[in-house]
Amino acid sequence: MMKTTVDRIKSAVAFEIIGLILILGIICLCGFDVSHIGVLGIAFSLMTTGWNYIYNIWFDKVMLKWVGTTNKQQKHRILHAILFELGLLWITIPVMAWWLNIKYWQAFLMDIVLVVFYLFYAYFYNVAYDKLFPVDFKHETKHETKQ
C-alpha cells in the first residue's frame, strides 16, 4: 500500500519546515546575511517541497513496479536520498547562480554543502517518518496504483 496524498503532503511540508529551521540556524551561527540568503532559502524550500512530493510518488511507483513493494530496505533508502539530491541540484544551481550573481561552478560548490547536509537529513528524516507513520505492507500488491 502506498502512502496517501495527504500523508505525502504532510511529510513533504514537515521535511521542509524542519530543514529550513536547521539551515537558517546554521546560517545565523556562521554570521551570514540571513535576509538575502533567507529569501533564497525560502524559495528553495518551496521548490524542494514540490520536488519532494513529485519525486516520492515517482520513486514509490518505480519501486512497486521493479521490486514489488514500497517497503524500503537500506539500499533503497540510500538510492532514494542520492537521486533526490541529484534532481534537486539540477533545479537549484541555476537559481542560486542567478540570485547570488555568481558563476555556476560557485553555485555548484555552495549547493554541494547543502546537498551533503540534506543527504544525511533526508535519510534520517525518512527513516524516522516511516517509523512514526508506518504503512501497512501486508495488503500491497505489485500492480497497486492507488494513492
N, C-alpha and C. Protein backbone atom coordinates (compact mmCIF):
# COMPACT_ATOMS: atom_id res chain seq x y z
N MET A 1 0.85 -1.18 0.00
CA MET A 1 0.00 0.00 0.00
C MET A 1 0.89 1.23 0.00
N MET A 2 0.62 2.14 -0.90
CA MET A 2 1.40 3.37 -0.97
C MET A 2 0.79 4.41 -0.02
N LYS A 3 1.58 5.39 0.32
CA LYS A 3 1.09 6.47 1.19
C LYS A 3 0.01 7.27 0.47
N THR A 4 -0.86 7.88 1.26
CA THR A 4 -1.93 8.70 0.68
C THR A 4 -1.38 10.07 0.29
N THR A 5 -2.15 10.78 -0.50
CA THR A 5 -1.76 12.13 -0.91
C THR A 5 -1.60 13.03 0.31
N VAL A 6 -2.52 12.95 1.25
CA VAL A 6 -2.45 13.77 2.47
C VAL A 6 -1.18 13.46 3.25
N ASP A 7 -0.84 12.18 3.37
CA ASP A 7 0.37 11.79 4.09
C ASP A 7 1.62 12.29 3.37
N ARG A 8 1.62 12.24 2.06
CA ARG A 8 2.77 12.74 1.29
C ARG A 8 2.95 14.25 1.47
N ILE A 9 1.85 14.97 1.45
CA ILE A 9 1.92 16.42 1.65
C ILE A 9 2.41 16.73 3.06
N LYS A 10 1.87 16.04 4.05
CA LYS A 10 2.29 16.23 5.45
C LYS A 10 3.79 15.95 5.59
N SER A 11 4.26 14.88 4.98
CA SER A 11 5.67 14.52 5.05
C SER A 11 6.55 15.57 4.39
N ALA A 12 6.17 16.02 3.19
CA ALA A 12 6.98 16.99 2.45
C ALA A 12 7.05 18.33 3.18
N VAL A 13 5.92 18.78 3.71
CA VAL A 13 5.89 20.07 4.42
C VAL A 13 6.71 20.00 5.70
N ALA A 14 6.54 18.93 6.47
CA ALA A 14 7.31 18.78 7.71
C ALA A 14 8.81 18.70 7.41
N PHE A 15 9.18 17.97 6.35
CA PHE A 15 10.57 17.86 5.95
C PHE A 15 11.17 19.23 5.70
N GLU A 16 10.45 20.06 4.95
CA GLU A 16 10.97 21.38 4.60
C GLU A 16 11.01 22.34 5.78
N ILE A 17 10.00 22.32 6.61
CA ILE A 17 9.99 23.22 7.77
C ILE A 17 11.15 22.91 8.70
N ILE A 18 11.33 21.63 9.02
CA ILE A 18 12.43 21.24 9.91
C ILE A 18 13.78 21.55 9.26
N GLY A 19 13.94 21.23 7.97
CA GLY A 19 15.19 21.51 7.27
C GLY A 19 15.51 22.98 7.20
N LEU A 20 14.50 23.80 6.91
CA LEU A 20 14.70 25.25 6.82
C LEU A 20 15.11 25.84 8.18
N ILE A 21 14.49 25.38 9.23
CA ILE A 21 14.86 25.84 10.58
C ILE A 21 16.32 25.49 10.87
N LEU A 22 16.71 24.27 10.54
CA LEU A 22 18.10 23.85 10.78
C LEU A 22 19.09 24.68 9.95
N ILE A 23 18.80 24.86 8.66
CA ILE A 23 19.71 25.62 7.78
C ILE A 23 19.80 27.08 8.20
N LEU A 24 18.66 27.72 8.48
CA LEU A 24 18.70 29.13 8.90
C LEU A 24 19.43 29.28 10.23
N GLY A 25 19.30 28.29 11.10
CA GLY A 25 20.06 28.31 12.36
C GLY A 25 21.56 28.26 12.11
N ILE A 26 21.98 27.42 11.18
CA ILE A 26 23.40 27.31 10.83
C ILE A 26 23.89 28.62 10.20
N ILE A 27 23.06 29.22 9.33
CA ILE A 27 23.43 30.49 8.69
C ILE A 27 23.63 31.57 9.74
N CYS A 28 22.74 31.64 10.71
CA CYS A 28 22.87 32.63 11.80
C CYS A 28 24.15 32.41 12.59
N LEU A 29 24.44 31.16 12.92
CA LEU A 29 25.64 30.85 13.70
C LEU A 29 26.93 31.18 12.95
N CYS A 30 26.89 31.11 11.61
CA CYS A 30 28.08 31.39 10.80
C CYS A 30 28.22 32.87 10.46
N GLY A 31 27.25 33.69 10.81
CA GLY A 31 27.34 35.13 10.60
C GLY A 31 26.97 35.61 9.21
N PHE A 32 26.29 34.82 8.40
CA PHE A 32 25.87 35.25 7.06
C PHE A 32 24.67 36.18 7.14
N ASP A 33 24.47 36.97 6.06
CA ASP A 33 23.31 37.86 5.96
C ASP A 33 22.06 37.01 5.74
N VAL A 34 21.31 36.85 6.79
CA VAL A 34 20.14 35.97 6.77
C VAL A 34 19.05 36.50 5.85
N SER A 35 18.93 37.82 5.70
CA SER A 35 17.84 38.37 4.88
C SER A 35 18.01 37.98 3.40
N HIS A 36 19.22 38.13 2.88
CA HIS A 36 19.45 37.81 1.47
C HIS A 36 19.43 36.29 1.25
N ILE A 37 20.15 35.57 2.08
CA ILE A 37 20.20 34.11 1.97
C ILE A 37 18.87 33.50 2.39
N GLY A 38 18.19 34.14 3.34
CA GLY A 38 16.91 33.63 3.82
C GLY A 38 15.85 33.58 2.73
N VAL A 39 15.82 34.60 1.87
CA VAL A 39 14.87 34.61 0.75
C VAL A 39 15.16 33.43 -0.17
N LEU A 40 16.43 33.21 -0.45
CA LEU A 40 16.82 32.07 -1.28
C LEU A 40 16.45 30.76 -0.59
N GLY A 41 16.66 30.70 0.70
CA GLY A 41 16.31 29.51 1.47
C GLY A 41 14.83 29.20 1.41
N ILE A 42 14.00 30.23 1.53
CA ILE A 42 12.55 30.03 1.46
C ILE A 42 12.15 29.60 0.05
N ALA A 43 12.74 30.21 -0.97
CA ALA A 43 12.45 29.81 -2.36
C ALA A 43 12.86 28.36 -2.59
N PHE A 44 14.05 27.98 -2.12
CA PHE A 44 14.50 26.60 -2.26
C PHE A 44 13.59 25.65 -1.49
N SER A 45 13.14 26.10 -0.34
CA SER A 45 12.24 25.28 0.46
C SER A 45 10.95 24.98 -0.30
N LEU A 46 10.40 26.00 -0.95
CA LEU A 46 9.17 25.81 -1.72
C LEU A 46 9.43 24.89 -2.93
N MET A 47 10.56 25.11 -3.62
CA MET A 47 10.89 24.25 -4.75
C MET A 47 11.10 22.81 -4.29
N THR A 48 11.79 22.67 -3.18
CA THR A 48 12.09 21.33 -2.67
C THR A 48 10.83 20.62 -2.21
N THR A 49 9.89 21.36 -1.64
CA THR A 49 8.64 20.74 -1.22
C THR A 49 7.91 20.14 -2.43
N GLY A 50 7.84 20.91 -3.50
CA GLY A 50 7.20 20.40 -4.71
C GLY A 50 7.95 19.20 -5.28
N TRP A 51 9.28 19.31 -5.34
CA TRP A 51 10.11 18.21 -5.84
C TRP A 51 9.95 16.97 -4.97
N ASN A 52 9.94 17.17 -3.64
CA ASN A 52 9.80 16.08 -2.69
C ASN A 52 8.51 15.31 -2.96
N TYR A 53 7.42 16.03 -3.14
CA TYR A 53 6.12 15.40 -3.37
C TYR A 53 6.15 14.59 -4.67
N ILE A 54 6.60 15.21 -5.76
CA ILE A 54 6.63 14.54 -7.07
C ILE A 54 7.60 13.36 -7.06
N TYR A 55 8.78 13.59 -6.52
CA TYR A 55 9.82 12.56 -6.52
C TYR A 55 9.40 11.34 -5.72
N ASN A 56 8.81 11.52 -4.55
CA ASN A 56 8.42 10.39 -3.72
C ASN A 56 7.32 9.55 -4.37
N ILE A 57 6.40 10.18 -5.07
CA ILE A 57 5.39 9.42 -5.82
C ILE A 57 6.09 8.59 -6.90
N TRP A 58 6.96 9.24 -7.67
CA TRP A 58 7.68 8.56 -8.74
C TRP A 58 8.50 7.40 -8.18
N PHE A 59 9.27 7.64 -7.12
CA PHE A 59 10.13 6.61 -6.57
C PHE A 59 9.32 5.42 -6.09
N ASP A 60 8.21 5.66 -5.39
CA ASP A 60 7.37 4.57 -4.90
C ASP A 60 6.75 3.78 -6.05
N LYS A 61 6.33 4.46 -7.10
CA LYS A 61 5.76 3.75 -8.26
C LYS A 61 6.82 2.88 -8.93
N VAL A 62 8.02 3.40 -9.08
CA VAL A 62 9.10 2.63 -9.68
C VAL A 62 9.45 1.44 -8.78
N MET A 63 9.54 1.66 -7.48
CA MET A 63 9.83 0.56 -6.55
C MET A 63 8.76 -0.51 -6.62
N LEU A 64 7.52 -0.09 -6.62
CA LEU A 64 6.42 -1.05 -6.66
C LEU A 64 6.48 -1.88 -7.94
N LYS A 65 6.81 -1.24 -9.05
CA LYS A 65 6.89 -1.94 -10.33
C LYS A 65 8.10 -2.88 -10.38
N TRP A 66 9.27 -2.41 -9.96
CA TRP A 66 10.50 -3.18 -10.10
C TRP A 66 10.76 -4.14 -8.95
N VAL A 67 10.38 -3.73 -7.72
CA VAL A 67 10.70 -4.55 -6.55
C VAL A 67 9.46 -5.29 -6.03
N GLY A 68 8.28 -4.74 -6.31
CA GLY A 68 7.05 -5.38 -5.88
C GLY A 68 6.53 -4.87 -4.55
N THR A 69 7.20 -3.88 -3.97
CA THR A 69 6.78 -3.30 -2.70
C THR A 69 7.36 -1.90 -2.58
N THR A 70 6.76 -1.09 -1.72
CA THR A 70 7.34 0.21 -1.40
C THR A 70 8.03 0.19 -0.04
N ASN A 71 8.14 -1.00 0.54
CA ASN A 71 8.83 -1.17 1.81
C ASN A 71 10.33 -1.08 1.54
N LYS A 72 10.93 0.04 1.91
CA LYS A 72 12.32 0.33 1.55
C LYS A 72 13.32 -0.34 2.49
N GLN A 73 14.28 -1.04 1.88
CA GLN A 73 15.43 -1.55 2.62
C GLN A 73 16.49 -0.45 2.60
N GLN A 74 17.57 -0.65 3.32
CA GLN A 74 18.60 0.38 3.40
C GLN A 74 19.13 0.77 2.02
N LYS A 75 19.35 -0.19 1.13
CA LYS A 75 19.87 0.13 -0.20
C LYS A 75 18.89 1.01 -0.97
N HIS A 76 17.59 0.80 -0.78
CA HIS A 76 16.58 1.64 -1.43
C HIS A 76 16.59 3.05 -0.85
N ARG A 77 16.77 3.15 0.46
CA ARG A 77 16.80 4.46 1.12
C ARG A 77 18.02 5.27 0.68
N ILE A 78 19.14 4.61 0.52
CA ILE A 78 20.36 5.30 0.07
C ILE A 78 20.17 5.79 -1.36
N LEU A 79 19.67 4.92 -2.24
CA LEU A 79 19.39 5.31 -3.62
C LEU A 79 18.37 6.44 -3.67
N HIS A 80 17.33 6.34 -2.84
CA HIS A 80 16.28 7.36 -2.77
C HIS A 80 16.89 8.72 -2.43
N ALA A 81 17.73 8.76 -1.42
CA ALA A 81 18.34 10.02 -0.97
C ALA A 81 19.28 10.60 -2.03
N ILE A 82 20.10 9.75 -2.65
CA ILE A 82 21.05 10.23 -3.66
C ILE A 82 20.33 10.79 -4.88
N LEU A 83 19.36 10.05 -5.40
CA LEU A 83 18.62 10.52 -6.58
C LEU A 83 17.82 11.78 -6.29
N PHE A 84 17.27 11.87 -5.09
CA PHE A 84 16.53 13.07 -4.70
C PHE A 84 17.45 14.29 -4.76
N GLU A 85 18.63 14.17 -4.19
CA GLU A 85 19.56 15.30 -4.14
C GLU A 85 20.11 15.66 -5.52
N LEU A 86 20.36 14.67 -6.37
CA LEU A 86 20.82 14.96 -7.73
C LEU A 86 19.76 15.74 -8.51
N GLY A 87 18.51 15.34 -8.37
CA GLY A 87 17.43 16.06 -9.03
C GLY A 87 17.31 17.48 -8.52
N LEU A 88 17.49 17.63 -7.23
CA LEU A 88 17.40 18.96 -6.62
C LEU A 88 18.54 19.87 -7.08
N LEU A 89 19.76 19.31 -7.22
CA LEU A 89 20.89 20.10 -7.74
C LEU A 89 20.56 20.67 -9.12
N TRP A 90 19.98 19.85 -9.96
CA TRP A 90 19.62 20.26 -11.32
C TRP A 90 18.66 21.44 -11.29
N ILE A 91 17.81 21.49 -10.28
CA ILE A 91 16.82 22.56 -10.14
C ILE A 91 17.42 23.81 -9.51
N THR A 92 18.25 23.65 -8.49
CA THR A 92 18.66 24.79 -7.66
C THR A 92 19.92 25.53 -8.13
N ILE A 93 20.83 24.86 -8.79
CA ILE A 93 22.09 25.54 -9.18
C ILE A 93 21.83 26.78 -10.04
N PRO A 94 21.02 26.70 -11.09
CA PRO A 94 20.77 27.92 -11.88
C PRO A 94 20.13 29.05 -11.08
N VAL A 95 19.23 28.69 -10.18
CA VAL A 95 18.56 29.71 -9.36
C VAL A 95 19.55 30.37 -8.41
N MET A 96 20.40 29.56 -7.78
CA MET A 96 21.39 30.10 -6.85
C MET A 96 22.38 31.01 -7.58
N ALA A 97 22.84 30.60 -8.74
CA ALA A 97 23.79 31.42 -9.52
C ALA A 97 23.17 32.76 -9.88
N TRP A 98 21.92 32.74 -10.30
CA TRP A 98 21.22 33.98 -10.67
C TRP A 98 20.98 34.87 -9.44
N TRP A 99 20.46 34.32 -8.36
CA TRP A 99 20.10 35.11 -7.19
C TRP A 99 21.32 35.74 -6.52
N LEU A 100 22.39 34.99 -6.43
CA LEU A 100 23.60 35.48 -5.76
C LEU A 100 24.58 36.14 -6.74
N ASN A 101 24.22 36.14 -8.03
CA ASN A 101 25.05 36.73 -9.07
C ASN A 101 26.46 36.15 -9.04
N ILE A 102 26.51 34.82 -9.08
CA ILE A 102 27.79 34.11 -9.06
C ILE A 102 27.83 33.15 -10.25
N LYS A 103 28.99 32.60 -10.49
CA LYS A 103 29.17 31.63 -11.58
C LYS A 103 28.52 30.30 -11.20
N TYR A 104 28.21 29.52 -12.23
CA TYR A 104 27.58 28.22 -11.98
C TYR A 104 28.45 27.30 -11.13
N TRP A 105 29.76 27.31 -11.34
CA TRP A 105 30.63 26.45 -10.56
C TRP A 105 30.65 26.86 -9.09
N GLN A 106 30.53 28.19 -8.83
CA GLN A 106 30.47 28.67 -7.45
C GLN A 106 29.14 28.23 -6.81
N ALA A 107 28.08 28.34 -7.57
CA ALA A 107 26.77 27.88 -7.08
C ALA A 107 26.80 26.38 -6.83
N PHE A 108 27.48 25.66 -7.72
CA PHE A 108 27.61 24.21 -7.55
C PHE A 108 28.30 23.88 -6.23
N LEU A 109 29.42 24.56 -5.96
CA LEU A 109 30.16 24.30 -4.71
C LEU A 109 29.31 24.64 -3.48
N MET A 110 28.60 25.76 -3.54
CA MET A 110 27.75 26.14 -2.41
C MET A 110 26.61 25.13 -2.24
N ASP A 111 26.08 24.69 -3.36
CA ASP A 111 24.97 23.74 -3.31
C ASP A 111 25.43 22.38 -2.78
N ILE A 112 26.67 22.02 -3.06
CA ILE A 112 27.20 20.73 -2.57
C ILE A 112 27.16 20.69 -1.04
N VAL A 113 27.47 21.80 -0.40
CA VAL A 113 27.40 21.85 1.06
C VAL A 113 25.97 21.55 1.52
N LEU A 114 24.99 22.15 0.84
CA LEU A 114 23.59 21.88 1.17
C LEU A 114 23.23 20.43 0.87
N VAL A 115 23.76 19.90 -0.22
CA VAL A 115 23.46 18.51 -0.59
C VAL A 115 23.97 17.55 0.47
N VAL A 116 25.19 17.76 0.93
CA VAL A 116 25.75 16.87 1.95
C VAL A 116 24.88 16.91 3.20
N PHE A 117 24.51 18.11 3.62
CA PHE A 117 23.62 18.24 4.79
C PHE A 117 22.31 17.51 4.54
N TYR A 118 21.66 17.84 3.42
CA TYR A 118 20.33 17.28 3.16
C TYR A 118 20.37 15.80 2.80
N LEU A 119 21.48 15.30 2.30
CA LEU A 119 21.59 13.88 2.02
C LEU A 119 21.41 13.08 3.31
N PHE A 120 22.14 13.49 4.34
CA PHE A 120 22.01 12.81 5.62
C PHE A 120 20.66 13.12 6.28
N TYR A 121 20.27 14.38 6.21
CA TYR A 121 18.98 14.77 6.79
C TYR A 121 17.83 14.00 6.15
N ALA A 122 17.81 13.89 4.82
CA ALA A 122 16.73 13.19 4.11
C ALA A 122 16.68 11.71 4.52
N TYR A 123 17.83 11.10 4.61
CA TYR A 123 17.87 9.69 5.01
C TYR A 123 17.25 9.50 6.40
N PHE A 124 17.77 10.25 7.37
CA PHE A 124 17.30 10.08 8.74
C PHE A 124 15.86 10.56 8.93
N TYR A 125 15.48 11.62 8.24
CA TYR A 125 14.10 12.10 8.32
C TYR A 125 13.13 11.03 7.82
N ASN A 126 13.43 10.44 6.66
CA ASN A 126 12.52 9.44 6.09
C ASN A 126 12.45 8.16 6.91
N VAL A 127 13.56 7.76 7.50
CA VAL A 127 13.54 6.60 8.40
C VAL A 127 12.62 6.91 9.60
N ALA A 128 12.82 8.08 10.20
CA ALA A 128 12.01 8.47 11.37
C ALA A 128 10.53 8.61 10.99
N TYR A 129 10.27 9.25 9.84
CA TYR A 129 8.88 9.46 9.42
C TYR A 129 8.18 8.12 9.18
N ASP A 130 8.87 7.20 8.52
CA ASP A 130 8.27 5.89 8.25
C ASP A 130 8.02 5.10 9.53
N LYS A 131 8.85 5.31 10.54
CA LYS A 131 8.62 4.63 11.83
C LYS A 131 7.46 5.28 12.59
N LEU A 132 7.36 6.62 12.51
CA LEU A 132 6.27 7.32 13.19
C LEU A 132 4.92 7.12 12.50
N PHE A 133 4.94 7.03 11.15
CA PHE A 133 3.71 6.89 10.36
C PHE A 133 3.87 5.72 9.39
N PRO A 134 3.84 4.48 9.91
CA PRO A 134 4.08 3.31 9.05
C PRO A 134 2.93 3.03 8.09
N VAL A 135 3.28 2.36 7.01
CA VAL A 135 2.31 1.92 6.01
C VAL A 135 2.12 0.42 6.20
N ASP A 136 0.89 -0.06 6.05
CA ASP A 136 0.59 -1.49 6.17
C ASP A 136 0.97 -2.17 4.86
N PHE A 137 2.07 -2.92 4.87
CA PHE A 137 2.56 -3.57 3.65
C PHE A 137 1.94 -4.94 3.42
N LYS A 138 1.12 -5.42 4.35
CA LYS A 138 0.54 -6.76 4.24
C LYS A 138 -0.37 -6.90 3.03
N HIS A 139 -1.04 -5.81 2.66
CA HIS A 139 -2.03 -5.88 1.59
C HIS A 139 -1.53 -5.28 0.28
N GLU A 140 -0.25 -5.02 0.19
CA GLU A 140 0.30 -4.39 -1.01
C GLU A 140 0.46 -5.43 -2.12
N THR A 141 0.15 -5.00 -3.34
CA THR A 141 0.34 -5.86 -4.50
C THR A 141 1.28 -5.16 -5.47
N LYS A 142 1.88 -5.93 -6.35
CA LYS A 142 2.84 -5.37 -7.30
C LYS A 142 2.19 -4.39 -8.26
N HIS A 143 0.93 -4.55 -8.56
CA HIS A 143 0.27 -3.71 -9.55
C HIS A 143 -0.59 -2.62 -8.91
N GLU A 144 -0.39 -2.39 -7.63
CA GLU A 144 -1.18 -1.37 -6.94
C GLU A 144 -0.79 0.02 -7.42
N THR A 145 -1.78 0.83 -7.76
CA THR A 145 -1.51 2.19 -8.21
C THR A 145 -2.29 3.21 -7.41
N LYS A 146 -2.98 2.75 -6.38
CA LYS A 146 -3.77 3.64 -5.54
C LYS A 146 -2.89 4.64 -4.83
N GLN A 147 -3.35 5.85 -4.70
CA GLN A 147 -2.63 6.89 -3.96
C GLN A 147 -3.31 7.03 -2.65
